[in-house]
N, C-alpha and C. Protein backbone atom coordinates (compact mmCIF):
# COMPACT_ATOMS: atom_id res chain seq x y z
N MET A 1 -18.38 -17.31 -40.41
CA MET A 1 -17.48 -17.50 -39.29
C MET A 1 -16.71 -16.22 -39.00
N GLY A 2 -16.80 -15.24 -39.84
CA GLY A 2 -16.30 -13.92 -39.56
C GLY A 2 -14.86 -13.82 -39.11
N ALA A 3 -14.67 -13.25 -37.93
CA ALA A 3 -13.33 -12.97 -37.41
C ALA A 3 -12.50 -14.24 -37.24
N TYR A 4 -13.14 -15.34 -36.87
CA TYR A 4 -12.42 -16.61 -36.70
C TYR A 4 -11.73 -17.02 -38.01
N CYS A 5 -12.47 -16.96 -39.11
CA CYS A 5 -11.89 -17.30 -40.41
C CYS A 5 -10.86 -16.27 -40.85
N ASP A 6 -11.11 -15.01 -40.55
CA ASP A 6 -10.15 -13.96 -40.91
C ASP A 6 -8.81 -14.19 -40.23
N VAL A 7 -8.84 -14.51 -38.95
CA VAL A 7 -7.59 -14.77 -38.21
C VAL A 7 -6.89 -16.00 -38.77
N ASN A 8 -7.64 -17.05 -39.06
CA ASN A 8 -7.05 -18.26 -39.63
C ASN A 8 -6.42 -17.96 -40.99
N ARG A 9 -7.07 -17.15 -41.78
CA ARG A 9 -6.52 -16.80 -43.10
C ARG A 9 -5.24 -15.97 -42.95
N GLN A 10 -5.23 -15.01 -42.04
CA GLN A 10 -4.02 -14.21 -41.81
C GLN A 10 -2.86 -15.09 -41.34
N PHE A 11 -3.15 -16.01 -40.44
CA PHE A 11 -2.12 -16.95 -39.98
C PHE A 11 -1.62 -17.78 -41.16
N ALA A 12 -2.54 -18.26 -41.98
CA ALA A 12 -2.16 -19.08 -43.13
C ALA A 12 -1.27 -18.30 -44.08
N LEU A 13 -1.61 -17.06 -44.37
CA LEU A 13 -0.81 -16.24 -45.29
C LEU A 13 0.58 -15.97 -44.73
N SER A 14 0.68 -15.71 -43.44
CA SER A 14 2.00 -15.51 -42.81
C SER A 14 2.81 -16.80 -42.85
N THR A 15 2.15 -17.90 -42.59
CA THR A 15 2.82 -19.20 -42.63
C THR A 15 3.33 -19.50 -44.04
N LEU A 16 2.52 -19.20 -45.03
CA LEU A 16 2.92 -19.45 -46.41
C LEU A 16 4.12 -18.60 -46.82
N GLN A 17 4.17 -17.37 -46.35
CA GLN A 17 5.32 -16.52 -46.65
C GLN A 17 6.59 -17.13 -46.04
N ALA A 18 6.49 -17.60 -44.81
CA ALA A 18 7.64 -18.25 -44.18
C ALA A 18 8.01 -19.54 -44.92
N LEU A 19 7.02 -20.29 -45.34
CA LEU A 19 7.28 -21.54 -46.07
C LEU A 19 7.98 -21.26 -47.39
N ARG A 20 7.54 -20.25 -48.11
CA ARG A 20 8.20 -19.89 -49.37
C ARG A 20 9.68 -19.57 -49.14
N THR A 21 9.96 -18.85 -48.07
CA THR A 21 11.34 -18.50 -47.73
C THR A 21 12.16 -19.74 -47.44
N VAL A 22 11.60 -20.66 -46.67
CA VAL A 22 12.31 -21.89 -46.31
C VAL A 22 12.57 -22.74 -47.55
N VAL A 23 11.56 -22.90 -48.40
CA VAL A 23 11.72 -23.71 -49.61
C VAL A 23 12.77 -23.09 -50.53
N LYS A 24 12.74 -21.77 -50.66
CA LYS A 24 13.74 -21.09 -51.49
C LYS A 24 15.15 -21.32 -50.95
N GLN A 25 15.30 -21.25 -49.63
CA GLN A 25 16.60 -21.49 -49.01
C GLN A 25 17.04 -22.94 -49.22
N LEU A 26 16.14 -23.89 -49.05
CA LEU A 26 16.48 -25.29 -49.28
C LEU A 26 16.88 -25.54 -50.72
N ASP A 27 16.17 -24.92 -51.65
CA ASP A 27 16.51 -25.07 -53.07
C ASP A 27 17.89 -24.49 -53.36
N ALA A 28 18.21 -23.36 -52.75
CA ALA A 28 19.52 -22.74 -52.95
C ALA A 28 20.64 -23.63 -52.41
N GLU A 29 20.33 -24.39 -51.38
CA GLU A 29 21.31 -25.31 -50.79
C GLU A 29 21.25 -26.69 -51.43
N VAL A 30 20.48 -26.82 -52.50
CA VAL A 30 20.29 -28.07 -53.24
C VAL A 30 19.83 -29.20 -52.31
N LYS A 31 18.86 -28.90 -51.49
CA LYS A 31 18.28 -29.90 -50.59
C LYS A 31 16.84 -30.17 -51.04
N MET A 32 16.71 -30.64 -52.28
CA MET A 32 15.39 -30.84 -52.88
C MET A 32 14.60 -31.95 -52.20
N ASP A 33 15.28 -32.87 -51.53
CA ASP A 33 14.59 -33.98 -50.87
C ASP A 33 14.04 -33.60 -49.50
N THR A 34 14.45 -32.47 -48.98
CA THR A 34 13.98 -32.02 -47.68
C THR A 34 12.60 -31.40 -47.83
N VAL A 35 11.65 -31.92 -47.05
CA VAL A 35 10.27 -31.43 -47.12
C VAL A 35 9.94 -30.74 -45.80
N PRO A 36 9.70 -29.43 -45.83
CA PRO A 36 9.36 -28.70 -44.61
C PRO A 36 8.03 -29.20 -44.02
N VAL A 37 7.94 -29.13 -42.70
CA VAL A 37 6.72 -29.50 -41.99
C VAL A 37 6.11 -28.24 -41.40
N VAL A 38 4.84 -28.02 -41.68
CA VAL A 38 4.07 -26.95 -41.06
C VAL A 38 3.23 -27.62 -39.99
N TRP A 39 3.57 -27.36 -38.74
CA TRP A 39 2.90 -28.02 -37.62
C TRP A 39 2.04 -26.98 -36.91
N ILE A 40 0.74 -27.14 -37.03
CA ILE A 40 -0.21 -26.19 -36.47
C ILE A 40 -0.72 -26.72 -35.13
N HIS A 41 -0.79 -25.85 -34.15
CA HIS A 41 -1.19 -26.25 -32.80
C HIS A 41 -2.49 -25.57 -32.37
N ASP A 42 -3.41 -26.36 -31.97
CA ASP A 42 -4.60 -26.04 -31.20
C ASP A 42 -5.79 -25.53 -32.00
N TYR A 43 -6.91 -25.52 -31.31
CA TYR A 43 -8.23 -25.31 -31.91
C TYR A 43 -8.40 -23.93 -32.54
N GLN A 44 -7.65 -22.95 -32.10
CA GLN A 44 -7.82 -21.61 -32.65
C GLN A 44 -7.50 -21.59 -34.15
N LEU A 45 -6.73 -22.56 -34.61
CA LEU A 45 -6.29 -22.59 -36.01
C LEU A 45 -6.83 -23.80 -36.76
N PHE A 46 -7.98 -24.30 -36.34
CA PHE A 46 -8.58 -25.48 -36.97
C PHE A 46 -8.62 -25.39 -38.49
N VAL A 47 -9.03 -24.26 -39.03
CA VAL A 47 -9.29 -24.19 -40.48
C VAL A 47 -8.17 -23.52 -41.28
N ALA A 48 -7.06 -23.20 -40.65
CA ALA A 48 -5.96 -22.56 -41.37
C ALA A 48 -5.42 -23.45 -42.48
N ALA A 49 -5.50 -24.74 -42.31
CA ALA A 49 -4.94 -25.66 -43.31
C ALA A 49 -5.63 -25.56 -44.66
N THR A 50 -6.87 -25.16 -44.69
CA THR A 50 -7.58 -25.07 -45.97
C THR A 50 -6.86 -24.09 -46.89
N THR A 51 -6.55 -22.92 -46.40
CA THR A 51 -5.83 -21.92 -47.21
C THR A 51 -4.41 -22.38 -47.49
N ILE A 52 -3.73 -22.89 -46.47
CA ILE A 52 -2.34 -23.32 -46.65
C ILE A 52 -2.25 -24.41 -47.71
N ARG A 53 -3.08 -25.44 -47.61
CA ARG A 53 -3.04 -26.54 -48.58
C ARG A 53 -3.39 -26.06 -49.98
N GLN A 54 -4.36 -25.18 -50.11
CA GLN A 54 -4.75 -24.67 -51.42
C GLN A 54 -3.58 -23.96 -52.09
N VAL A 55 -2.89 -23.10 -51.37
CA VAL A 55 -1.77 -22.37 -51.94
C VAL A 55 -0.59 -23.30 -52.21
N ILE A 56 -0.34 -24.25 -51.32
CA ILE A 56 0.73 -25.22 -51.55
C ILE A 56 0.50 -25.95 -52.87
N GLU A 57 -0.74 -26.37 -53.11
CA GLU A 57 -1.05 -27.08 -54.35
C GLU A 57 -0.96 -26.16 -55.56
N GLU A 58 -1.47 -24.94 -55.45
CA GLU A 58 -1.43 -23.99 -56.57
C GLU A 58 0.01 -23.64 -56.95
N GLU A 59 0.85 -23.40 -55.94
CA GLU A 59 2.23 -22.97 -56.19
C GLU A 59 3.20 -24.14 -56.25
N LYS A 60 2.68 -25.36 -56.06
CA LYS A 60 3.50 -26.57 -56.07
C LYS A 60 4.66 -26.49 -55.06
N LEU A 61 4.36 -25.93 -53.90
CA LEU A 61 5.33 -25.90 -52.81
C LEU A 61 5.38 -27.28 -52.16
N ARG A 62 6.53 -27.69 -51.71
CA ARG A 62 6.60 -28.97 -51.01
C ARG A 62 6.52 -28.70 -49.51
N ALA A 63 5.61 -29.40 -48.87
CA ALA A 63 5.43 -29.26 -47.43
C ALA A 63 4.47 -30.33 -46.94
N LYS A 64 4.61 -30.66 -45.68
CA LYS A 64 3.67 -31.55 -45.00
C LYS A 64 2.96 -30.73 -43.93
N LEU A 65 1.66 -30.94 -43.81
CA LEU A 65 0.88 -30.25 -42.79
C LEU A 65 0.53 -31.22 -41.67
N SER A 66 0.74 -30.79 -40.45
CA SER A 66 0.38 -31.59 -39.28
C SER A 66 -0.38 -30.71 -38.30
N PHE A 67 -1.17 -31.35 -37.46
CA PHE A 67 -1.98 -30.62 -36.49
C PHE A 67 -1.97 -31.35 -35.16
N PHE A 68 -1.83 -30.60 -34.08
CA PHE A 68 -1.94 -31.18 -32.74
C PHE A 68 -2.94 -30.36 -31.94
N LEU A 69 -3.93 -31.06 -31.40
CA LEU A 69 -4.94 -30.44 -30.56
C LEU A 69 -4.55 -30.69 -29.11
N HIS A 70 -4.35 -29.64 -28.34
CA HIS A 70 -3.85 -29.76 -26.97
C HIS A 70 -4.93 -30.04 -25.94
N ILE A 71 -6.15 -30.12 -26.39
CA ILE A 71 -7.26 -30.46 -25.51
C ILE A 71 -7.96 -31.69 -26.11
N PRO A 72 -8.69 -32.44 -25.32
CA PRO A 72 -9.41 -33.59 -25.90
C PRO A 72 -10.40 -33.14 -26.97
N PHE A 73 -10.43 -33.88 -28.06
CA PHE A 73 -11.37 -33.56 -29.13
C PHE A 73 -12.78 -33.86 -28.65
N PRO A 74 -13.73 -32.99 -28.94
CA PRO A 74 -15.10 -33.23 -28.46
C PRO A 74 -15.74 -34.45 -29.12
N SER A 75 -16.62 -35.08 -28.40
CA SER A 75 -17.36 -36.21 -28.96
C SER A 75 -18.27 -35.70 -30.08
N TRP A 76 -18.75 -36.62 -30.92
CA TRP A 76 -19.62 -36.22 -32.02
C TRP A 76 -20.90 -35.58 -31.49
N ASP A 77 -21.41 -36.03 -30.37
CA ASP A 77 -22.63 -35.45 -29.80
C ASP A 77 -22.47 -33.96 -29.52
N ILE A 78 -21.29 -33.56 -29.14
CA ILE A 78 -21.01 -32.14 -28.90
C ILE A 78 -20.62 -31.44 -30.20
N MET A 79 -19.76 -32.08 -30.97
CA MET A 79 -19.24 -31.47 -32.20
C MET A 79 -20.35 -31.14 -33.19
N ARG A 80 -21.34 -32.00 -33.32
CA ARG A 80 -22.40 -31.77 -34.31
C ARG A 80 -23.26 -30.55 -33.99
N LEU A 81 -23.23 -30.09 -32.73
CA LEU A 81 -23.98 -28.90 -32.34
C LEU A 81 -23.27 -27.61 -32.74
N PHE A 82 -21.99 -27.71 -33.01
CA PHE A 82 -21.18 -26.55 -33.36
C PHE A 82 -21.58 -26.07 -34.76
N PRO A 83 -21.85 -24.78 -34.96
CA PRO A 83 -22.33 -24.31 -36.26
C PRO A 83 -21.36 -24.52 -37.41
N TRP A 84 -20.06 -24.69 -37.13
CA TRP A 84 -19.07 -24.81 -38.19
C TRP A 84 -18.42 -26.18 -38.18
N ASP A 85 -19.16 -27.19 -37.71
CA ASP A 85 -18.58 -28.52 -37.58
C ASP A 85 -18.02 -29.04 -38.91
N ASP A 86 -18.73 -28.82 -40.00
CA ASP A 86 -18.27 -29.33 -41.29
C ASP A 86 -16.96 -28.67 -41.72
N GLU A 87 -16.87 -27.35 -41.60
CA GLU A 87 -15.65 -26.65 -41.99
C GLU A 87 -14.46 -27.11 -41.15
N ILE A 88 -14.70 -27.30 -39.87
CA ILE A 88 -13.61 -27.73 -38.99
C ILE A 88 -13.17 -29.15 -39.33
N LEU A 89 -14.12 -30.06 -39.48
CA LEU A 89 -13.75 -31.44 -39.79
C LEU A 89 -13.10 -31.55 -41.16
N GLN A 90 -13.62 -30.84 -42.16
CA GLN A 90 -13.00 -30.87 -43.48
C GLN A 90 -11.60 -30.26 -43.44
N GLY A 91 -11.47 -29.17 -42.69
CA GLY A 91 -10.16 -28.54 -42.56
C GLY A 91 -9.15 -29.44 -41.90
N MET A 92 -9.58 -30.20 -40.92
CA MET A 92 -8.67 -31.09 -40.20
C MET A 92 -8.39 -32.37 -40.98
N LEU A 93 -9.43 -33.08 -41.32
CA LEU A 93 -9.25 -34.41 -41.89
C LEU A 93 -8.87 -34.40 -43.36
N GLY A 94 -9.24 -33.35 -44.06
CA GLY A 94 -8.93 -33.32 -45.48
C GLY A 94 -7.63 -32.64 -45.83
N LYS A 95 -6.99 -32.00 -44.88
CA LYS A 95 -5.83 -31.17 -45.23
C LYS A 95 -4.53 -31.57 -44.55
N TYR A 96 -4.60 -32.27 -43.45
CA TYR A 96 -3.40 -32.59 -42.69
C TYR A 96 -2.93 -34.02 -42.95
N ARG A 97 -1.62 -34.22 -42.92
CA ARG A 97 -1.07 -35.58 -43.01
C ARG A 97 -1.11 -36.27 -41.66
N VAL A 98 -0.96 -35.50 -40.59
CA VAL A 98 -0.97 -36.05 -39.24
C VAL A 98 -1.90 -35.19 -38.39
N VAL A 99 -2.79 -35.83 -37.64
CA VAL A 99 -3.66 -35.14 -36.69
C VAL A 99 -3.53 -35.86 -35.36
N ASN A 100 -3.14 -35.15 -34.31
CA ASN A 100 -2.97 -35.74 -32.99
C ASN A 100 -3.81 -35.01 -31.96
N SER A 101 -4.26 -35.76 -30.97
CA SER A 101 -5.01 -35.21 -29.86
C SER A 101 -4.74 -36.08 -28.64
N PRO A 102 -4.73 -35.51 -27.43
CA PRO A 102 -4.47 -36.32 -26.24
C PRO A 102 -5.66 -37.16 -25.80
N SER A 103 -6.67 -37.26 -26.63
CA SER A 103 -7.90 -37.96 -26.27
C SER A 103 -8.07 -39.24 -27.08
N PRO A 104 -8.66 -40.28 -26.50
CA PRO A 104 -8.92 -41.49 -27.28
C PRO A 104 -10.04 -41.31 -28.30
N GLN A 105 -10.75 -40.19 -28.25
CA GLN A 105 -11.84 -39.95 -29.19
C GLN A 105 -11.25 -39.50 -30.49
């Protein structure tokens, strides 16, 4: 997936740095029950959650991942033709607590 995955990984690493800062600040304020939400928007970042979730689990960071797709999700007939359908579906369905799309599909 080349550049697409590279961009998603860079976004994920930047997001994780911001998340670490937020968690550290919450801990300093003794707000251990507050769980930050990482809300990712749109198809350009479909697979960013894979890296984010992996690091969250490794570092035991507290966070919830959510995703919103601003366009209708493609039907399976279209999605299965996409060369990276498995990576996208695994990234979305296996990593996020909430997935939203404006489509009934």
